[in-house]
C-alpha atoms as a PDB file:
ATOM      1  CA  MET A   1       6.589   5.754   8.173  1.00  0.00           C
ATOM      2  CA  ARG A   2       8.966   8.030  10.098  1.00  0.00           C
ATOM      3  CA  SER A   3      11.652   5.354  10.066  1.00  0.00           C
ATOM      4  CA  MET A   4      11.547   4.638   6.337  1.00  0.00           C
ATOM      5  CA  LEU A   5      11.257   8.297   5.330  1.00  0.00           C
ATOM      6  CA  GLY A   6      13.740   9.501   7.935  1.00  0.00           C
ATOM      7  CA  MET A   7      11.367  12.297   8.957  1.00  0.00           C
ATOM      8  CA  GLU A   8      10.039  13.364  12.352  1.00  0.00           C
ATOM      9  CA  SER A   9       7.649  15.921  10.850  1.00  0.00           C
ATOM     10  CA  MET A  10       5.770  16.437   7.590  1.00  0.00           C
ATOM     11  CA  GLU A  11       4.752  19.986   8.381  1.00  0.00           C
ATOM     12  CA  GLY A  12       4.010  21.908   5.197  1.00  0.00           C
ATOM     13  CA  LEU A  13       4.266  18.862   2.911  1.00  0.00           C
ATOM     14  CA  ARG A  14       1.602  17.509   0.570  1.00  0.00           C
ATOM     15  CA  PHE A  15       0.967  13.785   1.082  1.00  0.00           C
ATOM     16  CA  LEU A  16      -0.971  11.473  -1.275  1.00  0.00           C
ATOM     17  CA  ASP A  17      -2.183   8.199   0.230  1.00  0.00           C
ATOM     18  CA  LEU A  18      -2.788   6.221  -2.951  1.00  0.00           C
ATOM     19  CA  GLY A  19      -5.025   3.305  -2.039  1.00  0.00           C
ATOM     20  CA  CYS A  20      -5.644   4.551   1.473  1.00  0.00           C
ATOM     21  CA  GLY A  21      -7.682   1.563   2.697  1.00  0.00           C
ATOM     22  CA  SER A  22      -8.912   2.309   6.205  1.00  0.00           C
ATOM     23  CA  GLY A  23      -7.061   5.640   6.173  1.00  0.00           C
ATOM     24  CA  ILE A  24      -4.855   4.780   9.142  1.00  0.00           C
ATOM     25  CA  PHE A  25      -1.657   5.951   7.436  1.00  0.00           C
ATOM     26  CA  SER A  26      -3.403   9.065   6.179  1.00  0.00           C
ATOM     27  CA  LEU A  27      -4.195   9.798   9.804  1.00  0.00           C
ATOM     28  CA  ALA A  28      -0.551   9.216  10.736  1.00  0.00           C
ATOM     29  CA  ALA A  29       0.599  11.619   8.020  1.00  0.00           C
ATOM     30  CA  ARG A  30      -1.935  14.234   9.139  1.00  0.00           C
ATOM     31  CA  ASP A  31      -0.748  13.851  12.736  1.00  0.00           C
ATOM     32  CA  LEU A  32       2.781  14.530  11.470  1.00  0.00           C
ATOM     33  CA  GLY A  33       1.581  17.805   9.958  1.00  0.00           C
ATOM     34  CA  ALA A  34       1.096  16.901   6.296  1.00  0.00           C
ATOM     35  CA  GLU A  35      -1.666  18.194   4.044  1.00  0.00           C
ATOM     36  CA  VAL A  36      -3.232  14.860   3.097  1.00  0.00           C
ATOM     37  CA  THR A  37      -5.177  13.614   0.092  1.00  0.00           C
ATOM     38  CA  SER A  38      -6.556  10.072   0.480  1.00  0.00           C
ATOM     39  CA  ILE A  39      -8.014   8.122  -2.424  1.00  0.00           C
ATOM     40  CA  ASP A  40      -9.158   4.532  -2.827  1.00  0.00           C
ATOM     41  CA  TYR A  41     -11.021   2.572  -5.488  1.00  0.00           C
ATOM     42  CA  ASP A  42     -13.216   0.829  -2.896  1.00  0.00           C
ATOM     43  CA  PRO A  43     -16.190   2.892  -1.621  1.00  0.00           C
ATOM     44  CA  GLN A  44     -16.125   1.146   1.771  1.00  0.00           C
ATOM     45  CA  SER A  45     -12.473   2.102   2.253  1.00  0.00           C
ATOM     46  CA  VAL A  46     -13.309   5.690   1.353  1.00  0.00           C
ATOM     47  CA  GLY A  47     -16.132   5.612   3.899  1.00  0.00           C
ATOM     48  CA  CYS A  48     -13.808   4.261   6.588  1.00  0.00           C
ATOM     49  CA  ALA A  49     -11.173   6.943   5.874  1.00  0.00           C
ATOM     50  CA  LYS A  50     -13.866   9.621   6.043  1.00  0.00           C
ATOM     51  CA  GLU A  51     -14.963   8.271   9.412  1.00  0.00           C
ATOM     52  CA  LEU A  52     -11.401   8.510  10.716  1.00  0.00           C
ATOM     53  CA  ARG A  53     -11.260  12.088   9.474  1.00  0.00           C
ATOM     54  CA  ARG A  54     -14.598  12.851  11.159  1.00  0.00           C
ATOM     55  CA  ARG A  55     -13.360  11.473  14.489  1.00  0.00           C
ATOM     56  CA  PHE A  56      -9.907  13.039  14.577  1.00  0.00           C
ATOM     57  CA  TYR A  57     -10.092  16.064  12.235  1.00  0.00           C
ATOM     58  CA  PRO A  58     -13.783  16.970  12.104  1.00  0.00           C
ATOM     59  CA  ASP A  59     -13.207  20.296  10.373  1.00  0.00           C
ATOM     60  CA  SER A  60     -11.475  18.318   7.527  1.00  0.00           C
ATOM     61  CA  ALA A  61      -8.868  21.076   7.179  1.00  0.00           C
ATOM     62  CA  GLY A  62      -5.773  19.653   5.547  1.00  0.00           C
ATOM     63  CA  TRP A  63      -7.279  16.254   4.821  1.00  0.00           C
ATOM     64  CA  ASP A  64      -9.278  15.444   1.670  1.00  0.00           C
ATOM     65  CA  VAL A  65     -10.793  12.001   1.099  1.00  0.00           C
ATOM     66  CA  GLY A  66     -12.403  10.642  -2.053  1.00  0.00           C
ATOM     67  CA  GLN A  67     -12.782   7.779  -4.472  1.00  0.00           C
ATOM     68  CA  GLY A  68     -10.095   7.406  -7.115  1.00  0.00           C
ATOM     69  CA  ASP A  69      -8.313   4.930  -9.334  1.00  0.00           C
ATOM     70  CA  ALA A  70      -4.534   4.509  -9.564  1.00  0.00           C
ATOM     71  CA  LEU A  71      -5.016   3.486 -13.217  1.00  0.00           C
ATOM     72  CA  ASP A  72      -6.968   6.632 -14.135  1.00  0.00           C
ATOM     73  CA  VAL A  73      -4.425   8.912 -15.803  1.00  0.00           C
ATOM     74  CA  ALA A  74      -6.717  11.945 -16.005  1.00  0.00           C
ATOM     75  CA  GLY A  75      -7.928  11.533 -12.438  1.00  0.00           C
ATOM     76  CA  MET A  76      -4.421  11.184 -11.081  1.00  0.00           C
ATOM     77  CA  THR A  77      -3.207  14.190 -13.059  1.00  0.00           C
ATOM     78  CA  GLY A  78      -6.058  16.278 -11.670  1.00  0.00           C
ATOM     79  CA  LEU A  79      -4.800  15.740  -8.125  1.00  0.00           C
ATOM     80  CA  GLY A  80      -1.615  17.703  -8.815  1.00  0.00           C
ATOM     81  CA  TYR A  81       1.853  16.956  -7.465  1.00  0.00           C
ATOM     82  CA  PHE A  82       2.865  15.846  -3.988  1.00  0.00           C
ATOM     83  CA  ASP A  83       5.928  15.926  -1.782  1.00  0.00           C
ATOM     84  CA  ILE A  84       5.224  12.337  -0.696  1.00  0.00           C
ATOM     85  CA  VAL A  85       3.258   9.698  -2.610  1.00  0.00           C
ATOM     86  CA  TYR A  86       2.586   6.729  -0.347  1.00  0.00           C
ATOM     87  CA  SER A  87       1.181   3.422  -1.571  1.00  0.00           C
ATOM     88  CA  TRP A  88       1.866   0.429   0.662  1.00  0.00           C
ATOM     89  CA  GLY A  89       0.791  -2.968  -0.701  1.00  0.00           C
ATOM     90  CA  VAL A  90      -1.707  -1.505  -3.170  1.00  0.00           C
ATOM     91  CA  LEU A  91      -0.418  -1.136  -6.717  1.00  0.00           C
ATOM     92  CA  HIS A  92       0.142  -4.873  -7.219  1.00  0.00           C
ATOM     93  CA  HIS A  93      -3.625  -5.370  -6.732  1.00  0.00           C
ATOM     94  CA  THR A  94      -4.752  -2.950  -9.477  1.00  0.00           C
ATOM     95  CA  GLY A  95      -4.485  -5.402 -12.381  1.00  0.00           C
ATOM     96  CA  ASP A  96      -1.794  -3.315 -14.117  1.00  0.00           C
ATOM     97  CA  LEU A  97       1.123  -2.823 -11.740  1.00  0.00           C
ATOM     98  CA  TRP A  98       3.403  -0.876 -14.065  1.00  0.00           C
ATOM     99  CA  LYS A  99       0.719   1.528 -15.286  1.00  0.00           C
ATOM    100  CA  ALA A 100      -0.172   2.201 -11.663  1.00  0.00           C
ATOM    101  CA  MET A 101       3.517   2.689 -10.822  1.00  0.00           C
ATOM    102  CA  GLY A 102       3.829   5.137 -13.714  1.00  0.00           C
ATOM    103  CA  ASN A 103       0.873   7.184 -12.467  1.00  0.00           C
ATOM    104  CA  ALA A 104       2.293   7.137  -8.938  1.00  0.00           C
ATOM    105  CA  THR A 105       5.711   8.387 -10.077  1.00  0.00           C
ATOM    106  CA  ASN A 106       4.059  11.111 -12.165  1.00  0.00           C
ATOM    107  CA  ALA A 107       2.376  12.475  -9.032  1.00  0.00           C
ATOM    108  CA  VAL A 108       5.686  13.129  -7.246  1.00  0.00           C
ATOM    109  CA  CYS A 109       7.015  16.696  -7.377  1.00  0.00           C
ATOM    110  CA  ASP A 110      10.650  17.601  -8.042  1.00  0.00           C
ATOM    111  CA  GLY A 111      12.620  16.556  -4.977  1.00  0.00           C
ATOM    112  CA  GLY A 112       9.640  14.633  -3.640  1.00  0.00           C
ATOM    113  CA  ARG A 113       9.503  11.018  -2.514  1.00  0.00           C
ATOM    114  CA  LEU A 114       7.693   7.870  -3.559  1.00  0.00           C
ATOM    115  CA  PHE A 115       7.155   5.297  -0.795  1.00  0.00           C
ATOM    116  CA  VAL A 116       5.823   1.988  -2.160  1.00  0.00           C
ATOM    117  CA  ALA A 117       5.633  -1.633  -1.052  1.00  0.00           C
ATOM    118  CA  ILE A 118       5.340  -4.272  -3.783  1.00  0.00           C
ATOM    119  CA  TYR A 119       4.988  -8.044  -3.479  1.00  0.00           C
ATOM    120  CA  ASN A 120       8.273  -9.856  -3.981  1.00  0.00           C
ATOM    121  CA  ASP A 121       8.655 -12.045  -7.072  1.00  0.00           C
ATOM    122  CA  GLN A 122       9.335 -15.587  -5.841  1.00  0.00           C
ATOM    123  CA  GLY A 123       9.238 -17.162  -9.274  1.00  0.00           C
ATOM    124  CA  MET A 124       7.205 -20.371  -9.383  1.00  0.00           C
ATOM    125  CA  ASN A 125       5.911 -19.876  -5.843  1.00  0.00           C
ATOM    126  CA  SER A 126       4.349 -16.543  -6.886  1.00  0.00           C
ATOM    127  CA  LYS A 127       2.748 -18.201  -9.936  1.00  0.00           C
ATOM    128  CA  ILE A 128       1.199 -20.845  -7.685  1.00  0.00           C
ATOM    129  CA  TRP A 129      -0.177 -18.178  -5.338  1.00  0.00           C
ATOM    130  CA  LYS A 130      -1.643 -16.310  -8.292  1.00  0.00           C
ATOM    131  CA  ARG A 131      -3.600 -19.428  -9.316  1.00  0.00           C
ATOM    132  CA  ILE A 132      -4.754 -19.969  -5.721  1.00  0.00           C
ATOM    133  CA  LYS A 133      -5.968 -16.389  -5.447  1.00  0.00           C
ATOM    134  CA  ARG A 134      -7.743 -16.471  -8.804  1.00  0.00           C
ATOM    135  CA  ARG A 135      -9.572 -19.661  -7.800  1.00  0.00           C
ATOM    136  CA  PHE A 136     -10.716 -18.028  -4.528  1.00  0.00           C
ATOM    137  CA  GLY A 137     -12.469 -15.295  -6.511  1.00  0.00           C
ATOM    138  CA  GLN A 138     -14.076 -17.798  -8.876  1.00  0.00           C
ATOM    139  CA  LEU A 139     -15.672 -19.819  -6.073  1.00  0.00           C
ATOM    140  CA  PRO A 140     -19.220 -19.145  -4.813  1.00  0.00           C
ATOM    141  CA  PRO A 141     -19.021 -16.982  -1.664  1.00  0.00           C
ATOM    142  CA  PRO A 142     -20.084 -19.797   0.738  1.00  0.00           C
ATOM    143  CA  LEU A 143     -17.081 -21.881  -0.363  1.00  0.00           C
ATOM    144  CA  ARG A 144     -14.410 -19.208  -0.059  1.00  0.00           C
ATOM    145  CA  LYS A 145     -13.766 -19.455   3.673  1.00  0.00           C
ATOM    146  CA  PRO A 146     -13.455 -23.272   3.668  1.00  0.00           C
ATOM    147  CA  TYR A 147     -11.140 -23.002   0.648  1.00  0.00           C
ATOM    148  CA  ALA A 148      -8.942 -20.444   2.442  1.00  0.00           C
ATOM    149  CA  ALA A 149      -8.793 -22.657   5.533  1.00  0.00           C
ATOM    150  CA  ILE A 150      -7.681 -25.669   3.463  1.00  0.00           C
ATOM    151  CA  VAL A 151      -5.080 -23.632   1.583  1.00  0.00           C
ATOM    152  CA  MET A 152      -3.564 -22.197   4.768  1.00  0.00           C
ATOM    153  CA  LEU A 153      -3.762 -25.400   6.847  1.00  0.00           C
ATOM    154  CA  PRO A 154      -0.269 -26.729   5.922  1.00  0.00           C
ATOM    155  CA  ARG A 155       1.332 -23.400   6.804  1.00  0.00           C
ATOM    156  CA  GLU A 156      -0.565 -23.127  10.080  1.00  0.00           C
ATOM    157  CA  LEU A 157       0.371 -26.693  11.074  1.00  0.00           C
ATOM    158  CA  HIS A 158       4.012 -25.889  10.377  1.00  0.00           C
ATOM    159  CA  LEU A 159       3.851 -22.739  12.514  1.00  0.00           C
ATOM    160  CA  LEU A 160       2.113 -24.672  15.287  1.00  0.00           C
ATOM    161  CA  SER A 161       4.725 -27.447  15.261  1.00  0.00           C
ATOM    162  CA  VAL A 162       7.567 -24.917  15.466  1.00  0.00           C
ATOM    163  CA  SER A 163       5.828 -23.169  18.345  1.00  0.00           C
ATOM    164  CA  LEU A 164       5.202 -26.454  20.168  1.00  0.00           C
ATOM    165  CA  VAL A 165       8.897 -27.269  20.077  1.00  0.00           C
ATOM    166  CA  ARG A 166       9.959 -23.768  21.064  1.00  0.00           C
ATOM    167  CA  ASP A 167       7.518 -22.798  23.784  1.00  0.00           C
ATOM    168  CA  GLY A 168       4.830 -25.431  24.075  1.00  0.00           C
ATOM    169  CA  GLY A 169       2.609 -23.669  21.520  1.00  0.00           C
ATOM    170  CA  ARG A 170       2.159 -20.454  23.507  1.00  0.00           C
ATOM    171  CA  SER A 171       3.452 -18.114  20.805  1.00  0.00           C
ATOM    172  CA  TYR A 172       1.223 -19.681  18.146  1.00  0.00           C
ATOM    173  CA  PHE A 173      -1.981 -19.447  20.154  1.00  0.00           C
ATOM    174  CA  ARG A 174      -1.081 -15.958  21.326  1.00  0.00           C
ATOM    175  CA  SER A 175      -0.794 -14.933  17.656  1.00  0.00           C
ATOM    176  CA  TRP A 176      -4.503 -15.668  17.291  1.00  0.00           C
ATOM    177  CA  THR A 177      -5.699 -14.011  20.494  1.00  0.00           C
ATOM    178  CA  HIS A 178      -3.460 -10.907  20.403  1.00  0.00           C
ATOM    179  CA  TYR A 179      -3.121 -10.325  16.656  1.00  0.00           C
ATOM    180  CA  GLY A 180      -5.243  -7.216  16.693  1.00  0.00           C
ATOM    181  CA  GLU A 181      -2.855  -5.502  19.091  1.00  0.00           C
ATOM    182  CA  ASP A 182      -0.193  -5.470  16.376  1.00  0.00           C
ATOM    183  CA  ARG A 183      -2.204  -5.260  13.145  1.00  0.00           C
ATOM    184  CA  GLY A 184      -5.534  -3.754  14.125  1.00  0.00           C
ATOM    185  CA  MET A 185      -7.403  -6.699  12.633  1.00  0.00           C
ATOM    186  CA  SER A 186      -8.061 -10.370  13.291  1.00  0.00           C
ATOM    187  CA  ARG A 187      -5.577 -12.936  12.081  1.00  0.00           C
ATOM    188  CA  TRP A 188      -8.386 -14.873  10.402  1.00  0.00           C
ATOM    189  CA  HIS A 189      -9.411 -11.877   8.295  1.00  0.00           C
ATOM    190  CA  ASP A 190      -5.759 -11.308   7.442  1.00  0.00           C
ATOM    191  CA  LEU A 191      -5.533 -14.883   6.133  1.00  0.00           C
ATOM    192  CA  LEU A 192      -8.693 -14.377   4.062  1.00  0.00           C
ATOM    193  CA  ASP A 193      -7.245 -11.159   2.714  1.00  0.00           C
ATOM    194  CA  TRP A 194      -4.069 -12.958   1.682  1.00  0.00           C
ATOM    195  CA  VAL A 195      -5.731 -15.942  -0.026  1.00  0.00           C
ATOM    196  CA  GLY A 196      -8.288 -13.693  -1.713  1.00  0.00           C
ATOM    197  CA  GLY A 197      -5.967 -10.838  -2.696  1.00  0.00           C
ATOM    198  CA  TYR A 198      -6.533 -10.795  -6.463  1.00  0.00           C
ATOM    199  CA  PRO A 199      -5.491  -9.253  -8.892  1.00  0.00           C
ATOM    200  CA  PHE A 200      -2.006 -10.220  -7.785  1.00  0.00           C
ATOM    201  CA  GLU A 201       1.255  -9.109  -9.377  1.00  0.00           C
ATOM    202  CA  VAL A 202       4.835  -9.280  -8.182  1.00  0.00           C
ATOM    203  CA  ALA A 203       8.154  -7.640  -9.010  1.00  0.00           C
ATOM    204  CA  LYS A 204      11.809  -8.200  -8.259  1.00  0.00           C
ATOM    205  CA  PRO A 205      13.516  -5.388  -6.327  1.00  0.00           C
ATOM    206  CA  GLU A 206      15.683  -4.515  -9.319  1.00  0.00           C
ATOM    207  CA  GLU A 207      12.601  -4.190 -11.541  1.00  0.00           C
ATOM    208  CA  VAL A 208      11.091  -1.585  -9.230  1.00  0.00           C
ATOM    209  CA  PHE A 209      14.423   0.224  -8.918  1.00  0.00           C
ATOM    210  CA  ASN A 210      15.086   0.261 -12.681  1.00  0.00           C
ATOM    211  CA  PHE A 211      11.531   1.415 -13.477  1.00  0.00           C
ATOM    212  CA  CYS A 212      11.832   4.377 -11.108  1.00  0.00           C
ATOM    213  CA  ARG A 213      15.437   5.193 -12.053  1.00  0.00           C
ATOM    214  CA  ASP A 214      14.364   5.587 -15.681  1.00  0.00           C
ATOM    215  CA  ARG A 215      11.816   8.154 -14.480  1.00  0.00           C
ATOM    216  CA  GLY A 216      14.284  10.341 -12.628  1.00  0.00           C
ATOM    217  CA  PHE A 217      14.323   8.712  -9.172  1.00  0.00           C
ATOM    218  CA  VAL A 218      17.150   7.610  -6.910  1.00  0.00           C
ATOM    219  CA  LEU A 219      16.814   5.030  -4.159  1.00  0.00           C
ATOM    220  CA  GLU A 220      16.999   6.440  -0.633  1.00  0.00           C
ATOM    221  CA  SER A 221      15.849   3.513   1.487  1.00  0.00           C
ATOM    222  CA  MET A 222      14.852  -0.094   0.931  1.00  0.00           C
ATOM    223  CA  ARG A 223      13.690  -2.968   3.106  1.00  0.00           C
ATOM    224  CA  THR A 224      13.276  -6.386   1.492  1.00  0.00           C
ATOM    225  CA  CYS A 225      11.587  -9.561   2.660  1.00  0.00           C
ATOM    226  CA  ALA A 226      14.871 -11.428   2.094  1.00  0.00           C
ATOM    227  CA  GLY A 227      13.587 -13.226  -0.989  1.00  0.00           C
ATOM    228  CA  GLY A 228      10.592 -14.626   0.858  1.00  0.00           C
ATOM    229  CA  LEU A 229       6.853 -14.144   0.881  1.00  0.00           C
ATOM    230  CA  GLY A 230       5.815 -10.547   1.446  1.00  0.00           C
ATOM    231  CA  CYS A 231       6.486  -7.012   0.277  1.00  0.00           C
ATOM    232  CA  ASN A 232       9.682  -5.183  -0.557  1.00  0.00           C
ATOM    233  CA  GLU A 233       9.564  -1.532   0.575  1.00  0.00           C
ATOM    234  CA  PHE A 234      11.159   1.339  -1.333  1.00  0.00           C
ATOM    235  CA  VAL A 235      11.617   5.041  -0.714  1.00  0.00           C
ATOM    236  CA  LEU A 236      12.758   6.841  -3.854  1.00  0.00           C
ATOM    237  CA  ARG A 237      13.382  10.538  -4.436  1.00  0.00           C
ATOM    238  CA  ARG A 238      12.693  12.374  -7.692  1.00  0.00           C
ATOM    239  CA  THR A 239      15.916  14.175  -8.555  1.00  0.00           C
ATOM    240  CA  GLY A 240      14.493  16.199 -11.431  1.00  0.00           C
ATOM    241  CA  CYS A 241      12.274  16.219 -14.485  1.00  0.00           C
ATOM    242  CA  LEU A 242      12.336  13.852 -17.368  1.00  0.00           C
ATOM    243  CA  PRO A 243      14.001  15.383 -20.461  1.00  0.00           C
ATOM    244  CA  GLY A 244      11.703  17.962 -21.996  1.00  0.00           C
ATOM    245  CA  ALA A 245       9.212  17.876 -19.107  1.00  0.00           C
ATOM    246  CA  ALA A 246       8.035  20.920 -17.175  1.00  0.00           C
ATOM    247  CA  GLY A 247       8.953  21.320 -13.528  1.00  0.00           C
ATOM    248  CA  ARG A 248       6.758  19.586 -10.990  1.00  0.00           C
ATOM    249  CA  GLN A 249       5.984  21.759  -7.996  1.00  0.00           C
ATOM    250  CA  ALA A 250       3.855  20.715  -5.039  1.00  0.00           C
ATOM    251  CA  ASP A 251       1.908  23.967  -4.968  1.00  0.00           C
ATOM    252  CA  PRO A 252      -1.650  23.846  -3.608  1.00  0.00           C
ATOM    253  CA  VAL A 253      -3.963  22.582  -6.337  1.00  0.00           C
ATOM    254  CA  ASP A 254      -7.168  24.188  -7.502  1.00  0.00           C
ATOM    255  CA  PRO A 255      -9.822  23.290  -4.876  1.00  0.00           C
ATOM    256  CA  THR A 256     -12.203  22.285  -7.700  1.00  0.00           C
ATOM    257  CA  LEU A 257      -9.830  19.422  -8.531  1.00  0.00           C
ATOM    258  CA  ARG A 258      -9.704  18.032  -5.013  1.00  0.00           C
ATOM    259  CA  THR A 259     -11.470  14.864  -4.003  1.00  0.00           C
ATOM    260  CA  ARG A 260     -14.023  15.097  -1.206  1.00  0.00           C
END
């Protein structure tokens, strides 16, 4: 987060974690001094983020957590404006990527930043993955794990063969036993998350850039997945208002509008 934003501190800034998941990046932003608002559509994610807040900031000062929907225009508007709107790997799972992107851009104050990560459009490969993911959700729950294992088997065999040639397989097997040290989760659950991640939408880097440019943003930083499978990351700054729009200031919002 510090690397992409080019910031060592967020002291005095308002930070929206849109689709906060576990809340781990909300915690990072709070540790950097930001006043954080965390929202997620999933009640279990909200509960996890609240637990992180309870453990590390028990007085909840400067960190609000609640349920919300990136597609809810009224709900998003009620949150006010933010210096940083952060949504990593979330908006492409809402079912309406560009509406969600529009709501995210609307939440950024004048001079503020939008930090998003969106799945890369790989053309036909992305269309195939979309069908795979949709089928996962259509299967009865007992069949989903076997289906995911079958889907990922060719990729895993390829990774194993490369590792066998390179280092006798050590790096591959280590990726299973030490995965949590890097990602905070098991590799198996990460694979399930990938195969089952539906709704699933993708965008080319230029589509994200053009969408935000037309809404008064300039690109500050970008990191792509080099045309491969994964997310492209963007940091964009709002340079001003849209024509005829009122100024967007990240002043503290009415407490009655805050999520809890």
